[in-house]
N, C-alpha and C. Protein backbone atom coordinates (compact mmCIF):
# COMPACT_ATOMS: atom_id res chain seq x y z
N UNK A 1 102.81 -66.49 33.50
CA UNK A 1 102.11 -65.60 33.56
C UNK A 1 101.28 -66.82 34.33
N UNK A 2 100.97 -66.48 35.97
CA UNK A 2 100.74 -67.58 36.43
C UNK A 2 99.07 -67.32 36.17
N UNK A 3 97.81 -67.40 36.15
CA UNK A 3 96.59 -67.36 36.46
C UNK A 3 95.69 -68.09 36.53
N UNK A 4 94.56 -68.33 36.65
CA UNK A 4 93.66 -69.14 36.97
C UNK A 4 92.33 -68.57 36.25
N UNK A 5 91.39 -69.37 35.59
CA UNK A 5 90.36 -68.94 34.38
C UNK A 5 89.10 -69.91 35.72
N UNK A 6 88.19 -69.36 36.41
CA UNK A 6 87.11 -69.68 37.19
C UNK A 6 86.00 -69.06 36.68
N UNK A 7 84.86 -69.97 37.33
CA UNK A 7 83.47 -69.25 37.44
C UNK A 7 83.56 -67.96 38.27
N UNK A 8 82.61 -66.71 37.50
CA UNK A 8 82.59 -65.86 38.80
C UNK A 8 81.66 -66.00 39.50
N UNK A 9 82.18 -65.22 40.52
CA UNK A 9 81.32 -65.45 41.93
C UNK A 9 80.33 -64.53 41.83
N UNK A 10 80.11 -63.68 42.98
CA UNK A 10 79.39 -62.68 43.45
C UNK A 10 80.16 -61.69 44.04
N UNK A 11 81.27 -62.43 44.77
CA UNK A 11 82.21 -60.96 45.09
C UNK A 11 83.08 -60.84 44.00
N UNK A 12 82.41 -60.85 42.63
CA UNK A 12 83.41 -60.65 41.76
C UNK A 12 82.55 -59.54 40.79
N UNK A 13 81.31 -59.02 41.04
CA UNK A 13 81.07 -58.11 40.50
C UNK A 13 81.23 -57.05 40.24
N UNK A 14 81.67 -56.32 41.38
CA UNK A 14 82.36 -55.16 41.28
C UNK A 14 83.38 -54.86 40.19
N UNK A 15 84.01 -55.67 40.37
CA UNK A 15 85.35 -55.84 39.20
C UNK A 15 84.91 -56.16 37.72
N UNK A 16 84.13 -56.63 37.93
CA UNK A 16 83.23 -57.89 36.52
C UNK A 16 83.08 -56.13 35.67
N UNK A 17 82.16 -55.21 36.03
CA UNK A 17 81.62 -53.95 36.18
C UNK A 17 82.36 -53.08 35.79
N UNK A 18 83.74 -53.36 36.23
CA UNK A 18 85.06 -52.06 36.65
C UNK A 18 85.37 -52.47 35.03
N UNK A 19 85.33 -53.74 34.66
CA UNK A 19 86.02 -54.77 33.25
C UNK A 19 85.11 -53.94 32.16
N UNK A 20 83.51 -53.98 32.53
CA UNK A 20 82.71 -54.16 31.34
C UNK A 20 82.97 -52.34 31.53
N UNK A 21 83.33 -51.42 31.89
CA UNK A 21 83.87 -50.59 31.68
C UNK A 21 84.72 -49.86 30.57
N UNK A 22 86.20 -50.70 31.24
CA UNK A 22 86.98 -50.27 30.15
C UNK A 22 86.34 -51.24 28.80
N UNK A 23 86.33 -52.45 28.69
CA UNK A 23 85.78 -52.98 27.34
C UNK A 23 84.71 -52.08 26.92
N UNK A 24 84.20 -51.05 27.20
CA UNK A 24 83.21 -50.32 26.24
C UNK A 24 84.25 -49.47 26.22
N UNK A 25 85.07 -48.63 26.89
CA UNK A 25 85.72 -47.32 26.42
C UNK A 25 86.79 -47.88 25.37
N UNK A 26 87.28 -49.39 25.50
CA UNK A 26 88.01 -50.31 24.33
C UNK A 26 87.50 -49.81 22.66
N UNK A 27 85.68 -50.66 23.03
CA UNK A 27 85.23 -50.57 22.04
C UNK A 27 84.08 -49.23 21.70
N UNK A 28 84.96 -48.71 22.05
CA UNK A 28 83.91 -47.03 21.64
C UNK A 28 82.91 -46.75 21.79
N UNK A 29 82.40 -47.21 22.89
CA UNK A 29 80.99 -47.59 23.29
C UNK A 29 80.86 -47.03 24.61
N UNK A 30 79.28 -46.51 24.81
CA UNK A 30 78.84 -46.09 25.49
C UNK A 30 78.60 -46.53 27.03
N UNK A 31 78.89 -46.51 27.98
CA UNK A 31 78.33 -47.65 29.33
C UNK A 31 78.12 -46.87 30.40
N UNK A 32 76.84 -47.13 31.03
CA UNK A 32 76.75 -46.29 32.65
C UNK A 32 76.68 -47.34 33.44
N UNK A 33 77.20 -47.38 34.62
CA UNK A 33 77.36 -48.34 35.55
C UNK A 33 76.13 -48.89 36.18
N UNK A 34 75.58 -47.55 36.71
CA UNK A 34 74.87 -47.60 38.20
C UNK A 34 73.77 -48.80 37.32
N UNK A 35 73.70 -49.52 37.97
CA UNK A 35 72.33 -50.43 37.90
C UNK A 35 73.22 -51.68 37.48
N UNK A 36 73.90 -52.10 37.09
CA UNK A 36 75.16 -52.88 36.42
C UNK A 36 75.35 -54.01 37.27
N UNK A 37 75.91 -53.98 38.49
CA UNK A 37 76.09 -54.60 39.90
C UNK A 37 74.80 -55.55 40.60
N UNK A 38 73.41 -55.04 40.51
CA UNK A 38 72.86 -55.80 40.58
C UNK A 38 71.96 -56.61 39.13
N UNK A 39 72.11 -56.02 38.31
CA UNK A 39 71.73 -56.61 37.05
C UNK A 39 72.22 -57.94 36.62
N UNK A 40 74.17 -57.67 36.57
CA UNK A 40 74.84 -58.85 36.66
C UNK A 40 74.13 -59.99 37.68
N UNK A 41 74.16 -59.32 38.26
CA UNK A 41 74.24 -60.32 39.92
C UNK A 41 73.29 -60.89 39.61
N UNK A 42 71.98 -60.46 39.16
CA UNK A 42 70.85 -61.56 38.60
C UNK A 42 70.38 -62.46 37.31
N UNK A 43 71.58 -61.81 36.92
CA UNK A 43 71.62 -62.98 35.17
C UNK A 43 72.82 -63.91 35.52
N UNK A 44 73.56 -63.12 36.52
CA UNK A 44 74.97 -64.55 36.69
C UNK A 44 74.11 -65.81 38.10
N UNK A 45 73.39 -65.31 38.76
CA UNK A 45 72.94 -66.26 39.87
C UNK A 45 71.50 -66.67 40.14
N UNK A 46 70.75 -66.21 38.83
CA UNK A 46 69.36 -66.39 39.36
C UNK A 46 69.67 -67.90 39.28
N UNK A 47 68.36 -68.78 39.72
CA UNK A 47 68.12 -69.85 39.76
C UNK A 47 68.31 -70.63 38.11
N UNK A 48 67.81 -70.02 37.00
CA UNK A 48 67.79 -70.05 35.99
C UNK A 48 68.18 -69.02 35.47
N UNK A 49 69.89 -68.97 35.31
CA UNK A 49 70.87 -68.13 35.10
C UNK A 49 70.58 -67.45 33.15
N UNK A 50 70.44 -66.20 33.43
CA UNK A 50 70.19 -66.09 32.13
C UNK A 50 71.63 -65.77 31.23
N UNK A 51 72.60 -65.39 32.16
CA UNK A 51 74.13 -65.47 31.72
C UNK A 51 75.44 -66.26 32.35
N UNK A 52 76.30 -66.70 31.97
CA UNK A 52 77.35 -67.34 32.57
C UNK A 52 78.27 -66.37 32.10
N UNK A 53 79.65 -66.48 32.96
CA UNK A 53 80.92 -65.30 33.32
C UNK A 53 81.97 -66.34 33.64
N UNK A 54 82.99 -66.41 33.14
CA UNK A 54 84.30 -66.93 33.67
C UNK A 54 85.32 -65.65 34.01
N UNK A 55 85.97 -65.76 34.96
CA UNK A 55 87.00 -64.60 35.13
C UNK A 55 88.34 -65.15 35.25
N UNK A 56 88.87 -64.06 34.78
CA UNK A 56 90.77 -64.45 34.74
C UNK A 56 91.51 -63.39 36.42
N UNK A 57 91.67 -64.85 36.76
CA UNK A 57 92.22 -64.28 38.19
C UNK A 57 94.59 -64.44 38.27
N UNK A 58 94.80 -62.82 38.67
CA UNK A 58 95.90 -63.03 38.39
C UNK A 58 96.28 -62.66 39.80
N UNK A 59 97.09 -62.71 40.38
CA UNK A 59 97.72 -62.41 41.68
C UNK A 59 96.89 -62.01 42.46
N UNK A 60 95.59 -63.13 42.90
CA UNK A 60 94.53 -61.82 43.81
C UNK A 60 93.33 -61.10 42.71
N UNK A 61 93.68 -61.25 41.98
CA UNK A 61 92.85 -60.01 40.95
C UNK A 61 92.14 -60.22 39.58
N UNK A 62 91.26 -60.20 39.64
CA UNK A 62 90.59 -60.28 38.19
C UNK A 62 90.91 -59.14 37.22
N UNK A 63 91.51 -59.74 36.35
CA UNK A 63 92.07 -58.90 34.99
C UNK A 63 91.59 -59.14 34.00
N UNK A 64 90.48 -60.18 33.82
CA UNK A 64 89.97 -60.50 32.10
C UNK A 64 87.98 -61.16 32.63
N UNK A 65 87.51 -61.60 32.00
CA UNK A 65 86.38 -61.71 32.18
C UNK A 65 85.69 -62.19 30.60
N UNK A 66 84.75 -63.21 30.34
CA UNK A 66 84.49 -63.75 28.92
C UNK A 66 83.07 -64.13 29.67
N UNK A 67 81.93 -63.20 29.18
CA UNK A 67 80.24 -63.77 28.79
C UNK A 67 79.65 -64.43 27.86
N UNK A 68 78.54 -65.26 28.64
CA UNK A 68 78.55 -66.34 27.26
C UNK A 68 77.01 -66.50 27.77
N UNK A 69 76.24 -66.95 26.66
CA UNK A 69 74.97 -67.77 26.50
C UNK A 69 74.79 -68.78 25.90
N UNK A 70 73.28 -69.13 25.67
CA UNK A 70 73.04 -70.58 25.28
C UNK A 70 71.87 -70.32 24.68
N UNK A 71 72.29 -70.23 23.04
CA UNK A 71 70.75 -69.98 22.29
C UNK A 71 70.69 -70.96 21.46
N UNK A 72 69.30 -70.50 20.34
CA UNK A 72 69.20 -72.18 19.55
C UNK A 72 68.87 -71.27 17.46
N UNK A 73 69.32 -71.90 17.15
CA UNK A 73 69.46 -71.84 15.01
C UNK A 73 68.25 -72.20 15.04
N UNK A 74 67.80 -71.13 14.43
CA UNK A 74 66.82 -71.93 13.61
C UNK A 74 67.11 -72.23 12.43
N UNK A 75 68.32 -71.83 11.56
CA UNK A 75 68.43 -72.72 10.36
C UNK A 75 68.87 -73.52 10.85
N UNK A 76 70.42 -73.83 12.24
CA UNK A 76 71.28 -74.84 12.28
C UNK A 76 70.15 -76.27 12.93
N UNK A 77 69.18 -75.80 13.46
CA UNK A 77 67.61 -76.69 14.15
C UNK A 77 69.25 -76.98 15.52
N UNK A 78 70.13 -76.21 15.85
CA UNK A 78 70.80 -76.29 17.02
C UNK A 78 70.65 -75.50 18.05
N UNK A 79 70.99 -76.12 19.39
CA UNK A 79 71.68 -75.24 20.28
C UNK A 79 73.32 -74.58 20.22
N UNK A 80 73.48 -73.13 20.01
CA UNK A 80 74.59 -72.61 19.79
C UNK A 80 75.13 -71.92 21.34
N UNK A 81 76.18 -71.76 21.75
CA UNK A 81 76.99 -70.75 22.47
C UNK A 81 77.07 -69.77 21.70
N UNK A 82 76.39 -68.35 22.57
CA UNK A 82 77.31 -67.05 21.80
C UNK A 82 78.16 -66.43 22.97
N UNK A 83 78.94 -66.02 22.60
CA UNK A 83 79.79 -65.24 23.70
C UNK A 83 79.49 -64.12 23.55
N UNK A 84 79.19 -63.35 24.46
CA UNK A 84 78.73 -61.96 24.90
C UNK A 84 79.95 -60.93 24.70
N UNK A 85 80.75 -61.11 25.54
CA UNK A 85 82.22 -60.50 25.73
C UNK A 85 83.42 -61.17 26.37
N UNK A 86 84.38 -60.77 25.81
CA UNK A 86 85.71 -61.09 26.44
C UNK A 86 86.21 -59.88 26.21
N UNK A 87 87.15 -60.02 27.58
CA UNK A 87 88.10 -58.59 27.45
C UNK A 87 89.14 -58.98 28.79
N UNK A 88 90.46 -58.55 28.18
CA UNK A 88 91.28 -58.72 29.11
C UNK A 88 92.06 -57.28 29.43
N UNK A 89 92.44 -57.30 30.69
CA UNK A 89 92.90 -55.65 31.07
C UNK A 89 94.84 -55.78 29.90
N UNK A 90 95.08 -54.70 29.61
CA UNK A 90 96.51 -54.54 28.08
C UNK A 90 97.14 -55.27 28.70
N UNK A 91 97.59 -55.02 30.23
CA UNK A 91 99.09 -55.92 30.44
C UNK A 91 98.77 -57.45 30.29
N UNK A 92 97.85 -57.53 30.20
CA UNK A 92 97.61 -59.41 30.27
C UNK A 92 97.28 -59.81 28.97
N UNK A 93 97.17 -58.95 28.16
CA UNK A 93 97.20 -59.64 26.69
C UNK A 93 98.29 -60.12 25.76
N UNK A 94 98.15 -61.15 24.96
CA UNK A 94 99.58 -61.64 24.33
C UNK A 94 100.49 -63.08 25.18
N UNK A 95 99.98 -63.58 26.14
CA UNK A 95 100.39 -64.32 26.62
C UNK A 95 99.50 -65.31 26.76
N UNK A 96 98.94 -66.18 25.49
CA UNK A 96 98.06 -66.95 26.22
C UNK A 96 96.63 -67.19 26.67
N UNK A 97 96.26 -65.62 27.48
CA UNK A 97 94.92 -66.04 28.25
C UNK A 97 93.72 -66.06 27.54
N UNK A 98 93.69 -65.23 26.16
CA UNK A 98 92.40 -64.97 25.03
C UNK A 98 92.30 -66.43 24.65
N UNK A 99 93.55 -67.41 24.37
CA UNK A 99 92.86 -68.73 23.83
C UNK A 99 92.96 -69.78 25.07
N UNK A 100 93.04 -68.90 26.11
CA UNK A 100 92.37 -70.59 27.07
C UNK A 100 91.11 -69.83 27.20
N UNK A 101 90.46 -68.67 27.22
CA UNK A 101 89.21 -68.80 27.76
C UNK A 101 88.59 -69.02 26.70
N UNK A 102 88.86 -69.29 25.51
CA UNK A 102 88.35 -70.06 23.98
C UNK A 102 88.27 -70.93 24.27
N UNK A 103 89.43 -71.50 24.67
CA UNK A 103 89.35 -73.50 24.52
C UNK A 103 88.34 -73.60 26.00
N UNK A 104 88.01 -72.99 26.97
CA UNK A 104 87.26 -73.66 28.28
C UNK A 104 85.93 -73.50 27.55
N UNK A 105 85.53 -72.10 26.77
CA UNK A 105 84.68 -72.01 25.91
C UNK A 105 84.04 -72.83 25.55
N UNK A 106 85.02 -73.60 24.36
CA UNK A 106 84.56 -74.83 23.74
C UNK A 106 84.38 -75.76 24.48
N UNK A 107 85.24 -76.33 25.68
CA UNK A 107 84.65 -77.07 26.41
C UNK A 107 83.15 -76.99 26.87
N UNK A 108 83.21 -76.11 27.19
CA UNK A 108 81.50 -75.86 28.57
C UNK A 108 80.66 -76.06 26.87
N UNK A 109 80.60 -75.84 25.69
CA UNK A 109 80.21 -75.60 24.49
C UNK A 109 79.32 -77.03 23.84
N UNK A 110 80.89 -77.64 24.09
CA UNK A 110 80.50 -79.32 23.27
C UNK A 110 80.13 -80.33 24.34
N UNK A 111 80.23 -79.76 26.00
CA UNK A 111 79.66 -80.39 27.13
C UNK A 111 78.21 -80.34 27.18
N UNK A 112 77.59 -79.03 26.40
CA UNK A 112 76.10 -78.57 26.41
C UNK A 112 75.38 -78.85 24.88
N UNK A 113 76.54 -80.04 23.98
CA UNK A 113 76.10 -80.38 23.08
C UNK A 113 75.77 -79.57 21.84
N UNK A 114 76.37 -77.95 21.95
CA UNK A 114 76.84 -76.49 20.70
C UNK A 114 77.23 -77.29 20.00
N UNK A 115 76.23 -76.34 18.85
CA UNK A 115 76.37 -76.88 17.49
C UNK A 115 78.24 -75.58 16.93
N UNK A 116 77.64 -74.61 17.38
CA UNK A 116 78.85 -73.54 17.43
C UNK A 116 78.96 -72.71 18.32
N UNK A 117 80.25 -71.94 18.43
CA UNK A 117 79.87 -71.19 19.26
C UNK A 117 79.88 -69.56 17.83
N UNK A 118 79.28 -68.71 18.76
CA UNK A 118 79.10 -67.28 17.71
C UNK A 118 79.25 -66.30 18.58
N UNK A 119 80.37 -64.77 17.82
CA UNK A 119 80.60 -63.62 18.56
C UNK A 119 80.62 -62.53 17.82
N UNK A 120 80.63 -61.18 18.30
CA UNK A 120 80.89 -60.23 17.24
C UNK A 120 81.96 -59.10 17.31
N UNK A 121 82.65 -58.63 17.03
CA UNK A 121 83.52 -57.38 17.31
C UNK A 121 83.67 -56.15 16.55
N UNK A 122 83.70 -55.23 16.63
CA UNK A 122 83.36 -53.99 15.61
C UNK A 122 84.56 -54.44 14.63
N UNK A 123 84.21 -54.06 13.50
CA UNK A 123 85.43 -54.11 12.11
C UNK A 123 86.92 -53.31 12.79
N UNK A 124 86.46 -52.10 13.72
CA UNK A 124 87.77 -51.58 13.23
C UNK A 124 88.93 -51.95 14.85
N UNK A 125 88.26 -52.91 15.10
CA UNK A 125 88.94 -53.50 16.76
C UNK A 125 90.34 -55.13 15.91
N UNK A 126 91.01 -54.33 14.66
CA UNK A 126 91.97 -55.60 14.30
C UNK A 126 92.46 -56.26 14.85
N UNK A 127 93.26 -55.98 16.15
CA UNK A 127 94.06 -56.81 16.73
C UNK A 127 92.85 -58.01 17.44
N UNK A 128 91.66 -58.00 18.20
CA UNK A 128 90.86 -58.82 17.86
C UNK A 128 90.30 -59.99 17.32
N UNK A 129 90.29 -59.36 15.65
CA UNK A 129 90.32 -59.80 14.53
C UNK A 129 90.87 -60.49 14.07
N UNK A 130 92.75 -60.31 14.08
CA UNK A 130 94.15 -61.19 13.86
C UNK A 130 93.79 -62.20 14.52
N UNK A 131 93.02 -62.04 16.25
CA UNK A 131 93.51 -63.27 17.23
C UNK A 131 92.38 -64.33 16.43
N UNK A 132 91.33 -64.03 16.21
CA UNK A 132 90.18 -64.92 15.86
C UNK A 132 90.20 -65.23 14.91
N UNK A 133 91.21 -64.66 13.83
CA UNK A 133 91.52 -65.43 12.95
C UNK A 133 91.99 -66.79 13.20
N UNK A 134 93.13 -66.23 14.23
CA UNK A 134 94.38 -67.19 14.69
C UNK A 134 93.78 -68.57 15.18
N UNK A 135 92.85 -68.46 16.17
CA UNK A 135 92.16 -69.36 16.70
C UNK A 135 91.11 -70.55 15.86
N UNK A 136 90.93 -69.75 14.53
CA UNK A 136 90.75 -70.90 13.40
C UNK A 136 88.70 -70.36 13.86
N UNK A 137 88.13 -69.08 14.10
CA UNK A 137 87.30 -68.40 13.53
C UNK A 137 87.22 -68.15 12.73
N UNK A 138 85.86 -67.99 12.03
CA UNK A 138 85.44 -67.30 10.52
C UNK A 138 84.91 -66.29 11.14
N UNK A 139 85.03 -65.48 10.14
CA UNK A 139 83.57 -64.16 10.08
C UNK A 139 82.38 -63.92 9.06
N UNK A 140 81.48 -63.15 9.27
CA UNK A 140 80.21 -63.06 8.38
C UNK A 140 80.33 -61.91 8.07
N UNK A 141 79.62 -61.05 6.62
CA UNK A 141 79.83 -60.49 6.37
C UNK A 141 78.11 -59.52 7.07
N UNK A 142 78.01 -59.25 8.38
CA UNK A 142 76.02 -58.95 8.99
C UNK A 142 76.10 -57.71 9.19
N UNK A 143 75.77 -56.62 9.54
CA UNK A 143 75.37 -55.85 10.12
C UNK A 143 74.21 -55.68 11.46
N UNK A 144 75.11 -55.92 12.92
CA UNK A 144 73.92 -55.85 13.82
C UNK A 144 72.81 -54.85 14.45
N UNK A 145 72.18 -54.73 14.64
CA UNK A 145 71.10 -53.44 14.13
C UNK A 145 70.24 -53.97 15.81
N UNK A 146 70.12 -52.86 16.15
CA UNK A 146 69.64 -52.39 18.35
C UNK A 146 68.18 -52.30 17.50
N UNK A 147 66.72 -52.35 18.56
CA UNK A 147 65.97 -51.36 18.62
C UNK A 147 65.84 -50.94 20.02
N UNK A 148 65.57 -49.81 20.25
CA UNK A 148 65.71 -49.71 21.88
C UNK A 148 64.07 -49.57 21.57
N UNK A 149 63.09 -49.91 23.24
CA UNK A 149 62.49 -50.25 23.71
C UNK A 149 62.45 -49.74 24.48
């Protein structure tokens, strides 16, 4: 499978929003696409971006993405990369693309002198959990909370 991993461009935003919709459905989560294009454009392409995104292009079509931020850990007293999302279209899974995305994130995190990469996935997502263990990820038992404002 001949694919390209590259930085997201403004012309990719609609495709990324569509993949976000599929990602949310896969994780059994609610998703409302209204306003997402504008919000992501601002987050990705502002003078000081809040969020970064890589896309996977296959045959001139965006078939996957990963988004990430940089944050600071009090306990580690160091910067870490937080991988917010990683999603690939079903037909592109199992070909090493996910691992290639993780390797690209590792390169970026090392360049930015991050102590580690962190992320989360639902407990029911056995396929992702198996993948993350295979690439050397370790899980921590924590419950993620949200406080709506």
